Amino acid sequence: MSQQDLLRRVIRALDAAAIDYMITGSIASSLQGEPRATHDLDVVVQVDENAVAALLAAFPSPEFYHDESAVLDAVRNRSGFNVIETAEGDKVDFWLLTDDAFDQSRFARKYEEAVFGIRLKVSAPEDTILQKLRWSDLSGGSEKLYGDALRVYEVQHARLDQVYLDKWSKSLGVEDLLARIRDEAEVI
């Protein structure tokens, strides 16, 4: 199954189960910055236990692997779970929306975009940048994640809310990485 087909299937499953979501990660940064290959889809979801069965029914075995008890635990603990497409090994990482102020802010700021013939709810560019910088910092300085953030900054520069970036970069402890992006960005 192609990644586009997997993305379509995920969006259809979320819509059918009435689960609100936001596409993040490499898909978002590829849409907003420089496209790059990835083997996972990152999706923030607002889901409760009652919707789990409907969601997982859209990903039947043996075509997909998931552990329903692990999914239910993740929903109860508001953490994350994944669904793996077994033929190609592509993975969908579902991250539960938390009460964290930044998590709430970025989820509220998502926007809709038509991609691959489907409408997606996508992380706003500022939030894509900030989350990439956050993950880069937490991973010990991933240049791949930093590079994703830099490319989004360069492509979206004229439309970015710089005040929002300043506020949240300070709150998230990544203001030094944002300053580095501003120094290195090739913008007109």
C-alpha atoms as a PDB file:
ATOM      1  CA  MET A   1       0.000   0.000   0.000  1.00  0.00           C
ATOM      2  CA  SER A   2       1.403   3.397  -0.926  1.00  0.00           C
ATOM      3  CA  GLN A   3       1.807   6.019   1.752  1.00  0.00           C
ATOM      4  CA  GLN A   4      -0.841   8.142   0.000  1.00  0.00           C
ATOM      5  CA  ASP A   5      -3.268   5.217   0.163  1.00  0.00           C
ATOM      6  CA  LEU A   6      -2.428   4.667   3.826  1.00  0.00           C
ATOM      7  CA  LEU A   7      -3.010   8.356   4.539  1.00  0.00           C
ATOM      8  CA  ARG A   8      -6.377   8.231   2.746  1.00  0.00           C
ATOM      9  CA  ARG A   9      -7.352   5.167   4.743  1.00  0.00           C
ATOM     10  CA  VAL A  10      -6.387   6.797   8.040  1.00  0.00           C
ATOM     11  CA  ILE A  11      -8.367   9.953   7.274  1.00  0.00           C
ATOM     12  CA  ARG A  12     -11.428   7.952   6.198  1.00  0.00           C
ATOM     13  CA  ALA A  13     -11.225   5.866   9.390  1.00  0.00           C
ATOM     14  CA  LEU A  14     -10.912   8.945  11.603  1.00  0.00           C
ATOM     15  CA  ASP A  15     -13.764  10.714   9.834  1.00  0.00           C
ATOM     16  CA  ALA A  16     -15.991   7.613   9.982  1.00  0.00           C
ATOM     17  CA  ALA A  17     -15.349   7.246  13.724  1.00  0.00           C
ATOM     18  CA  ALA A  18     -15.925  11.014  14.271  1.00  0.00           C
ATOM     19  CA  ILE A  19     -12.426  11.414  15.729  1.00  0.00           C
ATOM     20  CA  ASP A  20     -10.910  14.890  15.494  1.00  0.00           C
ATOM     21  CA  TYR A  21      -7.278  14.837  14.370  1.00  0.00           C
ATOM     22  CA  MET A  22      -4.274  16.814  13.185  1.00  0.00           C
ATOM     23  CA  ILE A  23      -1.527  15.622  10.811  1.00  0.00           C
ATOM     24  CA  THR A  24       1.932  16.467  12.152  1.00  0.00           C
ATOM     25  CA  GLY A  25       5.489  15.223  11.733  1.00  0.00           C
ATOM     26  CA  SER A  26       7.144  14.635   8.383  1.00  0.00           C
ATOM     27  CA  ILE A  27       3.917  14.759   6.408  1.00  0.00           C
ATOM     28  CA  ALA A  28       3.184  18.268   7.735  1.00  0.00           C
ATOM     29  CA  SER A  29       6.767  19.469   7.238  1.00  0.00           C
ATOM     30  CA  SER A  30       6.805  17.999   3.717  1.00  0.00           C
ATOM     31  CA  LEU A  31       3.623  19.888   2.845  1.00  0.00           C
ATOM     32  CA  GLN A  32       4.896  23.137   4.346  1.00  0.00           C
ATOM     33  CA  GLY A  33       8.606  22.942   3.598  1.00  0.00           C
ATOM     34  CA  GLU A  34      10.752  20.496   1.680  1.00  0.00           C
ATOM     35  CA  PRO A  35       9.254  17.092   0.825  1.00  0.00           C
ATOM     36  CA  ARG A  36      11.147  14.072   2.089  1.00  0.00           C
ATOM     37  CA  ALA A  37      10.526  10.356   2.257  1.00  0.00           C
ATOM     38  CA  THR A  38       9.157   8.919   5.470  1.00  0.00           C
ATOM     39  CA  HIS A  39       7.733   5.591   6.549  1.00  0.00           C
ATOM     40  CA  ASP A  40       5.450   6.866   9.250  1.00  0.00           C
ATOM     41  CA  LEU A  41       2.442   9.097   9.629  1.00  0.00           C
ATOM     42  CA  ASP A  42       2.119  11.170  12.792  1.00  0.00           C
ATOM     43  CA  VAL A  43      -1.417  12.040  13.815  1.00  0.00           C
ATOM     44  CA  VAL A  44      -2.590  13.808  16.971  1.00  0.00           C
ATOM     45  CA  VAL A  45      -6.066  12.548  17.858  1.00  0.00           C
ATOM     46  CA  GLN A  46      -8.783  13.483  20.289  1.00  0.00           C
ATOM     47  CA  VAL A  47     -10.359  10.113  20.996  1.00  0.00           C
ATOM     48  CA  ASP A  48     -12.064   8.312  23.853  1.00  0.00           C
ATOM     49  CA  GLU A  49     -12.401   4.607  24.600  1.00  0.00           C
ATOM     50  CA  ASN A  50     -15.824   4.387  22.935  1.00  0.00           C
ATOM     51  CA  ALA A  51     -14.347   5.153  19.500  1.00  0.00           C
ATOM     52  CA  VAL A  52     -11.416   2.706  19.646  1.00  0.00           C
ATOM     53  CA  ALA A  53     -13.276  -0.322  18.244  1.00  0.00           C
ATOM     54  CA  ALA A  54     -14.573   1.653  15.248  1.00  0.00           C
ATOM     55  CA  LEU A  55     -11.122   3.059  14.547  1.00  0.00           C
ATOM     56  CA  LEU A  56      -9.339  -0.286  14.761  1.00  0.00           C
ATOM     57  CA  ALA A  57     -11.991  -2.010  12.628  1.00  0.00           C
ATOM     58  CA  ALA A  58     -10.686   0.058   9.701  1.00  0.00           C
ATOM     59  CA  PHE A  59      -7.289  -1.657  10.082  1.00  0.00           C
ATOM     60  CA  PRO A  60      -7.994  -5.414  10.071  1.00  0.00           C
ATOM     61  CA  SER A  61      -5.438  -8.165  10.594  1.00  0.00           C
ATOM     62  CA  PRO A  62      -3.396  -9.541   8.826  1.00  0.00           C
ATOM     63  CA  GLU A  63      -3.116  -6.433   6.628  1.00  0.00           C
ATOM     64  CA  PHE A  64      -2.410  -4.347   9.745  1.00  0.00           C
ATOM     65  CA  TYR A  65      -0.970  -4.984  13.161  1.00  0.00           C
ATOM     66  CA  HIS A  66      -2.178  -3.280  16.341  1.00  0.00           C
ATOM     67  CA  ASP A  67      -2.736  -4.327  19.927  1.00  0.00           C
ATOM     68  CA  GLU A  68      -6.199  -3.328  21.103  1.00  0.00           C
ATOM     69  CA  SER A  69      -5.307  -3.535  24.792  1.00  0.00           C
ATOM     70  CA  ALA A  70      -2.258  -1.299  24.221  1.00  0.00           C
ATOM     71  CA  VAL A  71      -4.451   1.136  22.292  1.00  0.00           C
ATOM     72  CA  LEU A  72      -6.991   1.262  25.126  1.00  0.00           C
ATOM     73  CA  ASP A  73      -4.183   1.817  27.662  1.00  0.00           C
ATOM     74  CA  ALA A  74      -2.801   4.644  25.507  1.00  0.00           C
ATOM     75  CA  VAL A  75      -6.225   6.277  25.293  1.00  0.00           C
ATOM     76  CA  ARG A  76      -6.701   6.006  29.068  1.00  0.00           C
ATOM     77  CA  ASN A  77      -3.203   7.426  29.716  1.00  0.00           C
ATOM     78  CA  ARG A  78      -3.354   9.942  26.869  1.00  0.00           C
ATOM     79  CA  SER A  79      -0.100   8.764  25.390  1.00  0.00           C
ATOM     80  CA  GLY A  80       0.419   7.157  21.991  1.00  0.00           C
ATOM     81  CA  PHE A  81      -0.128   3.980  20.008  1.00  0.00           C
ATOM     82  CA  ASN A  82       0.594   2.758  16.519  1.00  0.00           C
ATOM     83  CA  VAL A  83      -0.888   0.776  13.689  1.00  0.00           C
ATOM     84  CA  ILE A  84       1.523  -0.974  11.334  1.00  0.00           C
ATOM     85  CA  GLU A  85       0.780  -1.857   7.718  1.00  0.00           C
ATOM     86  CA  THR A  86       2.332  -5.327   7.532  1.00  0.00           C
ATOM     87  CA  ALA A  87       3.233  -5.590   3.821  1.00  0.00           C
ATOM     88  CA  GLU A  88       5.465  -2.502   3.652  1.00  0.00           C
ATOM     89  CA  GLY A  89       6.038  -1.859   7.355  1.00  0.00           C
ATOM     90  CA  ASP A  90       4.691   1.693   7.201  1.00  0.00           C
ATOM     91  CA  LYS A  91       3.504   2.891  10.575  1.00  0.00           C
ATOM     92  CA  VAL A  92       0.823   5.264  11.778  1.00  0.00           C
ATOM     93  CA  ASP A  93       1.734   6.875  15.094  1.00  0.00           C
ATOM     94  CA  PHE A  94      -1.362   8.145  16.871  1.00  0.00           C
ATOM     95  CA  TRP A  95      -0.601  10.665  19.628  1.00  0.00           C
ATOM     96  CA  LEU A  96      -3.402  11.458  22.060  1.00  0.00           C
ATOM     97  CA  LEU A  97      -4.194  15.117  22.581  1.00  0.00           C
ATOM     98  CA  THR A  98      -3.052  16.072  26.085  1.00  0.00           C
ATOM     99  CA  ASP A  99      -3.863  18.931  28.464  1.00  0.00           C
ATOM    100  CA  ASP A 100      -0.418  20.455  27.813  1.00  0.00           C
ATOM    101  CA  ALA A 101      -0.888  24.132  26.896  1.00  0.00           C
ATOM    102  CA  PHE A 102       1.194  23.880  23.711  1.00  0.00           C
ATOM    103  CA  ASP A 103      -0.579  20.676  22.669  1.00  0.00           C
ATOM    104  CA  GLN A 104      -3.942  22.414  23.120  1.00  0.00           C
ATOM    105  CA  SER A 105      -2.778  25.535  21.274  1.00  0.00           C
ATOM    106  CA  ARG A 106      -1.439  23.708  18.245  1.00  0.00           C
ATOM    107  CA  PHE A 107      -4.502  21.468  17.999  1.00  0.00           C
ATOM    108  CA  ALA A 108      -6.774  24.534  18.068  1.00  0.00           C
ATOM    109  CA  ARG A 109      -4.706  26.191  15.284  1.00  0.00           C
ATOM    110  CA  LYS A 110      -4.802  23.315  12.768  1.00  0.00           C
ATOM    111  CA  TYR A 111      -6.048  24.133   9.287  1.00  0.00           C
ATOM    112  CA  GLU A 112      -7.516  22.164   6.384  1.00  0.00           C
ATOM    113  CA  GLU A 113      -5.609  21.539   3.188  1.00  0.00           C
ATOM    114  CA  ALA A 114      -6.429  19.472   0.107  1.00  0.00           C
ATOM    115  CA  VAL A 115      -3.649  16.966  -0.576  1.00  0.00           C
ATOM    116  CA  PHE A 116      -3.651  13.828  -2.729  1.00  0.00           C
ATOM    117  CA  GLY A 117      -7.323  14.436  -3.462  1.00  0.00           C
ATOM    118  CA  ILE A 118      -8.363  14.432   0.205  1.00  0.00           C
ATOM    119  CA  ARG A 119      -8.920  17.130   2.816  1.00  0.00           C
ATOM    120  CA  LEU A 120      -6.485  16.941   5.718  1.00  0.00           C
ATOM    121  CA  LYS A 121      -6.397  18.749   9.042  1.00  0.00           C
ATOM    122  CA  VAL A 122      -2.761  19.823   9.348  1.00  0.00           C
ATOM    123  CA  SER A 123      -0.611  21.407  12.035  1.00  0.00           C
ATOM    124  CA  ALA A 124      -0.086  25.149  11.428  1.00  0.00           C
ATOM    125  CA  PRO A 125       3.418  25.918  10.070  1.00  0.00           C
ATOM    126  CA  GLU A 126       4.509  27.674  13.287  1.00  0.00           C
ATOM    127  CA  ASP A 127       3.485  24.622  15.292  1.00  0.00           C
ATOM    128  CA  THR A 128       5.225  22.277  12.868  1.00  0.00           C
ATOM    129  CA  ILE A 129       8.424  24.285  13.338  1.00  0.00           C
ATOM    130  CA  LEU A 130       8.118  24.372  17.118  1.00  0.00           C
ATOM    131  CA  GLN A 131       7.300  20.681  17.458  1.00  0.00           C
ATOM    132  CA  LYS A 132      10.195  19.713  15.170  1.00  0.00           C
ATOM    133  CA  LEU A 133      12.537  21.862  17.278  1.00  0.00           C
ATOM    134  CA  ARG A 134      11.114  20.341  20.453  1.00  0.00           C
ATOM    135  CA  TRP A 135      11.698  16.792  19.188  1.00  0.00           C
ATOM    136  CA  SER A 136      15.159  17.740  17.912  1.00  0.00           C
ATOM    137  CA  ASP A 137      16.058  19.058  21.355  1.00  0.00           C
ATOM    138  CA  LEU A 138      14.575  16.051  23.173  1.00  0.00           C
ATOM    139  CA  SER A 139      16.435  13.642  20.873  1.00  0.00           C
ATOM    140  CA  GLY A 140      19.788  15.208  21.649  1.00  0.00           C
ATOM    141  CA  GLY A 141      20.013  17.468  18.617  1.00  0.00           C
ATOM    142  CA  SER A 142      18.622  15.635  15.588  1.00  0.00           C
ATOM    143  CA  GLU A 143      19.784  17.506  12.494  1.00  0.00           C
ATOM    144  CA  LYS A 144      17.067  15.832  10.393  1.00  0.00           C
ATOM    145  CA  LEU A 145      14.324  17.274  12.618  1.00  0.00           C
ATOM    146  CA  TYR A 146      16.098  20.626  12.787  1.00  0.00           C
ATOM    147  CA  GLY A 147      16.429  20.635   8.991  1.00  0.00           C
ATOM    148  CA  ASP A 148      12.698  19.966   8.609  1.00  0.00           C
ATOM    149  CA  ALA A 149      11.960  22.967  10.846  1.00  0.00           C
ATOM    150  CA  LEU A 150      14.421  25.151   8.931  1.00  0.00           C
ATOM    151  CA  ARG A 151      12.840  24.299   5.557  1.00  0.00           C
ATOM    152  CA  VAL A 152       9.329  25.039   6.831  1.00  0.00           C
ATOM    153  CA  TYR A 153      10.598  28.366   8.198  1.00  0.00           C
ATOM    154  CA  GLU A 154      12.193  29.247   4.864  1.00  0.00           C
ATOM    155  CA  VAL A 155       9.176  28.334   2.727  1.00  0.00           C
ATOM    156  CA  GLN A 156       6.540  29.816   5.049  1.00  0.00           C
ATOM    157  CA  HIS A 157       8.573  32.804   6.297  1.00  0.00           C
ATOM    158  CA  ALA A 158       6.357  35.576   4.900  1.00  0.00           C
ATOM    159  CA  ARG A 159       3.256  34.095   6.561  1.00  0.00           C
ATOM    160  CA  LEU A 160       4.687  33.077   9.939  1.00  0.00           C
ATOM    161  CA  ASP A 161       3.480  34.620  13.180  1.00  0.00           C
ATOM    162  CA  GLN A 162       6.860  35.557  14.648  1.00  0.00           C
ATOM    163  CA  VAL A 163       5.358  36.660  17.978  1.00  0.00           C
ATOM    164  CA  TYR A 164       3.751  33.219  18.380  1.00  0.00           C
ATOM    165  CA  LEU A 165       7.073  31.552  17.536  1.00  0.00           C
ATOM    166  CA  ASP A 166       8.894  33.697  20.118  1.00  0.00           C
ATOM    167  CA  LYS A 167       6.333  33.004  22.843  1.00  0.00           C
ATOM    168  CA  TRP A 168       6.250  29.242  22.439  1.00  0.00           C
ATOM    169  CA  SER A 169       9.955  28.763  21.692  1.00  0.00           C
ATOM    170  CA  LYS A 170      10.691  30.334  25.077  1.00  0.00           C
ATOM    171  CA  SER A 171       8.017  28.260  26.814  1.00  0.00           C
ATOM    172  CA  LEU A 172       9.297  25.039  25.183  1.00  0.00           C
ATOM    173  CA  GLY A 173      12.948  25.853  25.844  1.00  0.00           C
ATOM    174  CA  VAL A 174      13.934  25.907  22.171  1.00  0.00           C
ATOM    175  CA  GLU A 175      14.555  29.634  21.714  1.00  0.00           C
ATOM    176  CA  ASP A 176      18.233  28.929  20.931  1.00  0.00           C
ATOM    177  CA  LEU A 177      17.209  26.587  18.105  1.00  0.00           C
ATOM    178  CA  LEU A 178      14.739  29.153  16.751  1.00  0.00           C
ATOM    179  CA  ALA A 179      17.499  31.800  16.862  1.00  0.00           C
ATOM    180  CA  ARG A 180      19.751  29.404  14.910  1.00  0.00           C
ATOM    181  CA  ILE A 181      17.013  28.943  12.300  1.00  0.00           C
ATOM    182  CA  ARG A 182      16.622  32.701  11.943  1.00  0.00           C
ATOM    183  CA  ASP A 183      20.406  33.023  11.458  1.00  0.00           C
ATOM    184  CA  GLU A 184      20.629  30.199   8.903  1.00  0.00           C
ATOM    185  CA  ALA A 185      17.360  30.644   6.994  1.00  0.00           C
ATOM    186  CA  GLU A 186      17.644  31.701   3.382  1.00  0.00           C
ATOM    187  CA  VAL A 187      14.600  33.940   3.043  1.00  0.00           C
ATOM    188  CA  ILE A 188      13.802  36.842   0.776  1.00  0.00           C
END
